[in-house]
Amino acid sequence: MVKYAVICASNQNRSMEAHYVLSKHGFNVSSYGTGSMVRLPGPAIDKPNIYPFGTPYDRVYQELKQRDPQLYTQNGLLSMLDRNRKVKDAPQRWHEAHEVYDVIITCEERCFDAVVEDLSNRGQGYNASTHVLNVEIKDNHDDALQGGKAILQLVEMIEAATDVDAEIGGIIDSFSSKNPKFPLLHTVAYF
């Protein structure tokens, strides 16, 4: 079974929507963030809610619900956190992950760059290749929903391949023609 990782900056919105959709369809998937801290919208643009990775989604949900239930219901944070706590316990940071994945899908170019750089810094102790793909998704609830469906399509194409390494170019072309809203980047990296 192919092992997937989906990654965004804070392991909250885009990667968690993809994690939710892929796990619902029976795929072996984990999710991560590449940021130094988890950043969520706050009462003002210059006042974000900041948490360390590993802070349980449920705890953040309860805190924000108590702090300003109207604001965090209106901006969709409470429903997002509610979904997240049903998928896994807490956001995880990519740089602290020790698993090997066959396919890594990032949701933003800077996350793609961070993953590729981290993999090259780790060395190639397992001599295992991985396809790193970036599906560029804007960080808002609507685009995350659409992006989750697009990532499901991409994963279904990968699963249908007999030889992913040989067929990846065709998969990328096919995905790109069906999903022009979500530009794709690809590289092969090693664990």
C-alpha atoms as a PDB file:
ATOM      1  CA  MET A   1       0.000   0.000   0.000  1.00  0.00           C
ATOM      2  CA  VAL A   2       1.327   3.432  -0.971  1.00  0.00           C
ATOM      3  CA  LYS A   3       2.116   5.680   2.023  1.00  0.00           C
ATOM      4  CA  TYR A   4       1.190   9.338   1.583  1.00  0.00           C
ATOM      5  CA  ALA A   5       2.044  12.481   3.527  1.00  0.00           C
ATOM      6  CA  VAL A   6       0.179  15.743   2.970  1.00  0.00           C
ATOM      7  CA  ILE A   7       1.832  18.914   4.179  1.00  0.00           C
ATOM      8  CA  CYS A   8       0.985  22.595   4.602  1.00  0.00           C
ATOM      9  CA  ALA A   9       2.437  25.266   6.893  1.00  0.00           C
ATOM     10  CA  SER A  10       0.498  24.675  10.143  1.00  0.00           C
ATOM     11  CA  ASN A  11      -1.142  21.237   9.632  1.00  0.00           C
ATOM     12  CA  GLN A  12      -4.538  22.876  10.135  1.00  0.00           C
ATOM     13  CA  ASN A  13      -6.452  23.735   6.975  1.00  0.00           C
ATOM     14  CA  ARG A  14      -5.162  22.452   3.614  1.00  0.00           C
ATOM     15  CA  SER A  15      -3.217  19.379   4.729  1.00  0.00           C
ATOM     16  CA  MET A  16      -5.932  18.408   7.191  1.00  0.00           C
ATOM     17  CA  GLU A  17      -8.685  18.676   4.561  1.00  0.00           C
ATOM     18  CA  ALA A  18      -6.613  16.427   2.277  1.00  0.00           C
ATOM     19  CA  HIS A  19      -5.849  14.063   5.200  1.00  0.00           C
ATOM     20  CA  TYR A  20      -9.571  13.891   6.010  1.00  0.00           C
ATOM     21  CA  VAL A  21     -10.609  13.210   2.384  1.00  0.00           C
ATOM     22  CA  LEU A  22      -7.874  10.638   1.706  1.00  0.00           C
ATOM     23  CA  SER A  23      -8.421   8.718   4.949  1.00  0.00           C
ATOM     24  CA  LYS A  24     -12.185   8.704   4.290  1.00  0.00           C
ATOM     25  CA  HIS A  25     -11.397   6.962   0.980  1.00  0.00           C
ATOM     26  CA  GLY A  26      -9.181   4.359   2.674  1.00  0.00           C
ATOM     27  CA  PHE A  27      -5.716   5.662   1.772  1.00  0.00           C
ATOM     28  CA  ASN A  28      -2.715   5.306   4.100  1.00  0.00           C
ATOM     29  CA  VAL A  29      -2.079   8.982   4.886  1.00  0.00           C
ATOM     30  CA  SER A  30      -0.391  11.187   7.479  1.00  0.00           C
ATOM     31  CA  SER A  31      -0.223  14.984   7.615  1.00  0.00           C
ATOM     32  CA  TYR A  32       2.272  17.580   8.795  1.00  0.00           C
ATOM     33  CA  GLY A  33       3.173  21.264   8.875  1.00  0.00           C
ATOM     34  CA  THR A  34       6.497  22.856   7.974  1.00  0.00           C
ATOM     35  CA  GLY A  35       6.208  26.055  10.036  1.00  0.00           C
ATOM     36  CA  SER A  36       8.042  26.717  13.286  1.00  0.00           C
ATOM     37  CA  MET A  37       4.723  27.246  15.103  1.00  0.00           C
ATOM     38  CA  VAL A  38       1.034  26.708  14.353  1.00  0.00           C
ATOM     39  CA  ARG A  39      -0.497  30.027  13.305  1.00  0.00           C
ATOM     40  CA  LEU A  40      -4.253  30.577  13.187  1.00  0.00           C
ATOM     41  CA  PRO A  41      -6.206  33.757  12.431  1.00  0.00           C
ATOM     42  CA  GLY A  42      -6.920  35.898  15.468  1.00  0.00           C
ATOM     43  CA  PRO A  43      -9.085  38.919  16.229  1.00  0.00           C
ATOM     44  CA  ALA A  44      -6.883  41.083  13.946  1.00  0.00           C
ATOM     45  CA  ILE A  45      -4.367  40.388  11.174  1.00  0.00           C
ATOM     46  CA  ASP A  46      -1.506  41.397  13.485  1.00  0.00           C
ATOM     47  CA  LYS A  47      -2.860  39.290  16.385  1.00  0.00           C
ATOM     48  CA  PRO A  48      -2.768  35.647  15.259  1.00  0.00           C
ATOM     49  CA  ASN A  49      -3.344  32.737  17.614  1.00  0.00           C
ATOM     50  CA  ILE A  50      -0.011  30.935  17.891  1.00  0.00           C
ATOM     51  CA  TYR A  51       0.477  27.431  19.322  1.00  0.00           C
ATOM     52  CA  PRO A  52       3.357  24.975  19.415  1.00  0.00           C
ATOM     53  CA  PHE A  53       3.037  21.873  17.242  1.00  0.00           C
ATOM     54  CA  GLY A  54       1.613  19.047  19.327  1.00  0.00           C
ATOM     55  CA  THR A  55      -1.039  21.232  20.985  1.00  0.00           C
ATOM     56  CA  PRO A  56      -4.201  19.089  20.702  1.00  0.00           C
ATOM     57  CA  TYR A  57      -6.818  20.322  18.238  1.00  0.00           C
ATOM     58  CA  ASP A  58      -9.457  19.837  20.929  1.00  0.00           C
ATOM     59  CA  ARG A  59      -7.628  22.138  23.348  1.00  0.00           C
ATOM     60  CA  VAL A  60      -7.344  24.886  20.692  1.00  0.00           C
ATOM     61  CA  TYR A  61     -11.016  24.370  19.805  1.00  0.00           C
ATOM     62  CA  GLN A  62     -12.101  24.753  23.453  1.00  0.00           C
ATOM     63  CA  GLU A  63      -9.879  27.824  24.019  1.00  0.00           C
ATOM     64  CA  LEU A  64     -11.080  29.686  20.927  1.00  0.00           C
ATOM     65  CA  LYS A  65     -14.703  28.727  21.581  1.00  0.00           C
ATOM     66  CA  GLN A  66     -14.406  30.242  25.042  1.00  0.00           C
ATOM     67  CA  ARG A  67     -12.444  33.310  23.895  1.00  0.00           C
ATOM     68  CA  ASP A  68     -14.794  34.522  21.129  1.00  0.00           C
ATOM     69  CA  PRO A  69     -17.348  31.949  19.902  1.00  0.00           C
ATOM     70  CA  GLN A  70     -18.973  34.348  17.446  1.00  0.00           C
ATOM     71  CA  LEU A  71     -15.724  35.392  15.719  1.00  0.00           C
ATOM     72  CA  TYR A  72     -14.316  31.869  15.467  1.00  0.00           C
ATOM     73  CA  THR A  73     -17.627  30.430  14.252  1.00  0.00           C
ATOM     74  CA  GLN A  74     -17.969  33.154  11.594  1.00  0.00           C
ATOM     75  CA  ASN A  75     -14.422  32.770  10.282  1.00  0.00           C
ATOM     76  CA  GLY A  76     -14.747  28.967  10.132  1.00  0.00           C
ATOM     77  CA  LEU A  77     -12.003  28.167  12.644  1.00  0.00           C
ATOM     78  CA  LEU A  78     -14.238  26.200  15.009  1.00  0.00           C
ATOM     79  CA  SER A  79     -15.640  23.972  12.264  1.00  0.00           C
ATOM     80  CA  MET A  80     -12.108  23.427  10.881  1.00  0.00           C
ATOM     81  CA  LEU A  81     -10.774  22.477  14.335  1.00  0.00           C
ATOM     82  CA  ASP A  82     -13.789  20.235  14.899  1.00  0.00           C
ATOM     83  CA  ARG A  83     -12.955  18.351  11.678  1.00  0.00           C
ATOM     84  CA  ASN A  84      -9.278  18.164  12.649  1.00  0.00           C
ATOM     85  CA  ARG A  85      -9.898  16.681  16.100  1.00  0.00           C
ATOM     86  CA  LYS A  86     -11.928  13.902  14.455  1.00  0.00           C
ATOM     87  CA  VAL A  87      -8.974  13.033  12.167  1.00  0.00           C
ATOM     88  CA  LYS A  88      -6.066  13.028  14.636  1.00  0.00           C
ATOM     89  CA  ASP A  89      -5.026  14.347  18.040  1.00  0.00           C
ATOM     90  CA  ALA A  90      -2.714  17.275  17.242  1.00  0.00           C
ATOM     91  CA  PRO A  91      -0.786  19.029  14.459  1.00  0.00           C
ATOM     92  CA  GLN A  92       2.578  17.447  13.743  1.00  0.00           C
ATOM     93  CA  ARG A  93       5.721  19.101  12.419  1.00  0.00           C
ATOM     94  CA  TRP A  94       7.321  17.588   9.310  1.00  0.00           C
ATOM     95  CA  HIS A  95      10.872  18.167  10.549  1.00  0.00           C
ATOM     96  CA  GLU A  96      10.192  15.897  13.552  1.00  0.00           C
ATOM     97  CA  ALA A  97       8.705  13.050  11.476  1.00  0.00           C
ATOM     98  CA  HIS A  98      10.696   9.859  11.119  1.00  0.00           C
ATOM     99  CA  GLU A  99       8.492   7.860   8.754  1.00  0.00           C
ATOM    100  CA  VAL A 100       9.292   7.090   5.128  1.00  0.00           C
ATOM    101  CA  TYR A 101       6.641   7.987   2.529  1.00  0.00           C
ATOM    102  CA  ASP A 102       6.222   6.889  -1.078  1.00  0.00           C
ATOM    103  CA  VAL A 103       4.489  10.130  -2.084  1.00  0.00           C
ATOM    104  CA  ILE A 104       4.591  13.511  -0.342  1.00  0.00           C
ATOM    105  CA  ILE A 105       2.063  16.151  -1.382  1.00  0.00           C
ATOM    106  CA  THR A 106       2.591  19.728  -0.227  1.00  0.00           C
ATOM    107  CA  CYS A 107      -0.004  22.489  -0.539  1.00  0.00           C
ATOM    108  CA  GLU A 108       2.256  25.523  -0.995  1.00  0.00           C
ATOM    109  CA  GLU A 109       5.546  26.121  -2.801  1.00  0.00           C
ATOM    110  CA  ARG A 110       7.416  27.229   0.336  1.00  0.00           C
ATOM    111  CA  CYS A 111       6.339  23.966   2.046  1.00  0.00           C
ATOM    112  CA  PHE A 112       7.534  22.018  -1.024  1.00  0.00           C
ATOM    113  CA  ASP A 113      10.911  23.779  -0.784  1.00  0.00           C
ATOM    114  CA  ALA A 114      11.126  23.125   2.981  1.00  0.00           C
ATOM    115  CA  VAL A 115      10.386  19.392   2.538  1.00  0.00           C
ATOM    116  CA  VAL A 116      12.860  18.957  -0.330  1.00  0.00           C
ATOM    117  CA  GLU A 117      15.560  20.823   1.620  1.00  0.00           C
ATOM    118  CA  ASP A 118      14.862  18.803   4.778  1.00  0.00           C
ATOM    119  CA  LEU A 119      15.058  15.503   2.884  1.00  0.00           C
ATOM    120  CA  SER A 120      18.379  16.473   1.308  1.00  0.00           C
ATOM    121  CA  ASN A 121      19.719  17.480   4.753  1.00  0.00           C
ATOM    122  CA  ARG A 122      18.664  14.161   6.278  1.00  0.00           C
ATOM    123  CA  GLY A 123      20.935  12.189   3.989  1.00  0.00           C
ATOM    124  CA  GLN A 124      19.786   9.056   2.232  1.00  0.00           C
ATOM    125  CA  GLY A 125      19.990   6.452   4.974  1.00  0.00           C
ATOM    126  CA  TYR A 126      17.128   4.336   3.620  1.00  0.00           C
ATOM    127  CA  ASN A 127      18.030   4.706  -0.078  1.00  0.00           C
ATOM    128  CA  ALA A 128      14.293   5.025  -0.754  1.00  0.00           C
ATOM    129  CA  SER A 129      12.966   7.433  -3.351  1.00  0.00           C
ATOM    130  CA  THR A 130       9.851   9.519  -2.851  1.00  0.00           C
ATOM    131  CA  HIS A 131       7.818  11.641  -5.230  1.00  0.00           C
ATOM    132  CA  VAL A 132       7.351  15.143  -3.816  1.00  0.00           C
ATOM    133  CA  LEU A 133       4.463  16.975  -5.467  1.00  0.00           C
ATOM    134  CA  ASN A 134       3.162  20.446  -4.747  1.00  0.00           C
ATOM    135  CA  VAL A 135      -0.496  21.219  -5.391  1.00  0.00           C
ATOM    136  CA  GLU A 136      -0.651  24.998  -4.918  1.00  0.00           C
ATOM    137  CA  ILE A 137      -3.730  25.733  -2.759  1.00  0.00           C
ATOM    138  CA  LYS A 138      -4.656  29.136  -1.322  1.00  0.00           C
ATOM    139  CA  ASP A 139      -5.023  29.006   2.452  1.00  0.00           C
ATOM    140  CA  ASN A 140      -8.764  29.556   2.850  1.00  0.00           C
ATOM    141  CA  HIS A 141     -11.627  27.174   3.592  1.00  0.00           C
ATOM    142  CA  ASP A 142     -13.153  27.087   0.074  1.00  0.00           C
ATOM    143  CA  ASP A 143      -9.861  26.482  -1.706  1.00  0.00           C
ATOM    144  CA  ALA A 144      -8.881  23.872   0.904  1.00  0.00           C
ATOM    145  CA  LEU A 145     -12.127  21.973   0.160  1.00  0.00           C
ATOM    146  CA  GLN A 146     -11.509  22.128  -3.593  1.00  0.00           C
ATOM    147  CA  GLY A 147      -7.834  21.303  -3.079  1.00  0.00           C
ATOM    148  CA  GLY A 148      -8.707  18.245  -0.994  1.00  0.00           C
ATOM    149  CA  LYS A 149     -10.828  16.930  -3.879  1.00  0.00           C
ATOM    150  CA  ALA A 150      -8.026  17.690  -6.358  1.00  0.00           C
ATOM    151  CA  ILE A 151      -5.492  15.839  -4.181  1.00  0.00           C
ATOM    152  CA  LEU A 152      -7.891  12.873  -4.017  1.00  0.00           C
ATOM    153  CA  GLN A 153      -7.968  12.878  -7.837  1.00  0.00           C
ATOM    154  CA  LEU A 154      -4.153  12.966  -7.951  1.00  0.00           C
ATOM    155  CA  VAL A 155      -3.873  10.082  -5.472  1.00  0.00           C
ATOM    156  CA  GLU A 156      -6.413   8.024  -7.443  1.00  0.00           C
ATOM    157  CA  MET A 157      -4.299   8.561 -10.589  1.00  0.00           C
ATOM    158  CA  ILE A 158      -1.162   7.479  -8.702  1.00  0.00           C
ATOM    159  CA  GLU A 159      -2.971   4.410  -7.349  1.00  0.00           C
ATOM    160  CA  ALA A 160      -4.137   3.464 -10.875  1.00  0.00           C
ATOM    161  CA  ALA A 161      -0.556   3.492 -12.192  1.00  0.00           C
ATOM    162  CA  THR A 162       1.277   0.222 -12.721  1.00  0.00           C
ATOM    163  CA  ASP A 163       4.665   1.925 -12.396  1.00  0.00           C
ATOM    164  CA  VAL A 164       4.473   5.362 -10.759  1.00  0.00           C
ATOM    165  CA  ASP A 165       8.105   6.183 -11.579  1.00  0.00           C
ATOM    166  CA  ALA A 166       7.553   5.572 -15.294  1.00  0.00           C
ATOM    167  CA  GLU A 167       4.058   7.081 -15.420  1.00  0.00           C
ATOM    168  CA  ILE A 168       4.474  10.185 -13.225  1.00  0.00           C
ATOM    169  CA  GLY A 169       4.901  12.534 -16.202  1.00  0.00           C
ATOM    170  CA  GLY A 170       1.593  11.400 -17.694  1.00  0.00           C
ATOM    171  CA  ILE A 171      -0.129  11.596 -14.306  1.00  0.00           C
ATOM    172  CA  ILE A 172       1.072  15.197 -13.876  1.00  0.00           C
ATOM    173  CA  ASP A 173      -0.073  16.152 -17.402  1.00  0.00           C
ATOM    174  CA  SER A 174      -3.483  14.567 -16.886  1.00  0.00           C
ATOM    175  CA  PHE A 175      -3.937  16.147 -13.445  1.00  0.00           C
ATOM    176  CA  SER A 176      -2.864  19.579 -14.723  1.00  0.00           C
ATOM    177  CA  SER A 177      -5.278  19.523 -17.663  1.00  0.00           C
ATOM    178  CA  LYS A 178      -8.190  18.585 -15.348  1.00  0.00           C
ATOM    179  CA  ASN A 179      -7.187  20.994 -12.556  1.00  0.00           C
ATOM    180  CA  PRO A 180      -5.743  24.208 -14.047  1.00  0.00           C
ATOM    181  CA  LYS A 181      -6.582  26.067 -10.810  1.00  0.00           C
ATOM    182  CA  PHE A 182      -3.997  23.994  -8.923  1.00  0.00           C
ATOM    183  CA  PRO A 183      -0.512  24.313 -10.489  1.00  0.00           C
ATOM    184  CA  LEU A 184       1.699  21.302  -9.860  1.00  0.00           C
ATOM    185  CA  LEU A 185       5.407  20.980  -9.071  1.00  0.00           C
ATOM    186  CA  HIS A 186       7.253  17.650  -8.888  1.00  0.00           C
ATOM    187  CA  THR A 187      10.640  16.312  -7.928  1.00  0.00           C
ATOM    188  CA  VAL A 188      12.079  13.025  -6.759  1.00  0.00           C
ATOM    189  CA  ALA A 189      13.835  13.079  -3.388  1.00  0.00           C
ATOM    190  CA  TYR A 190      15.303  10.368  -1.153  1.00  0.00           C
ATOM    191  CA  PHE A 191      14.952   9.131   2.391  1.00  0.00           C
END
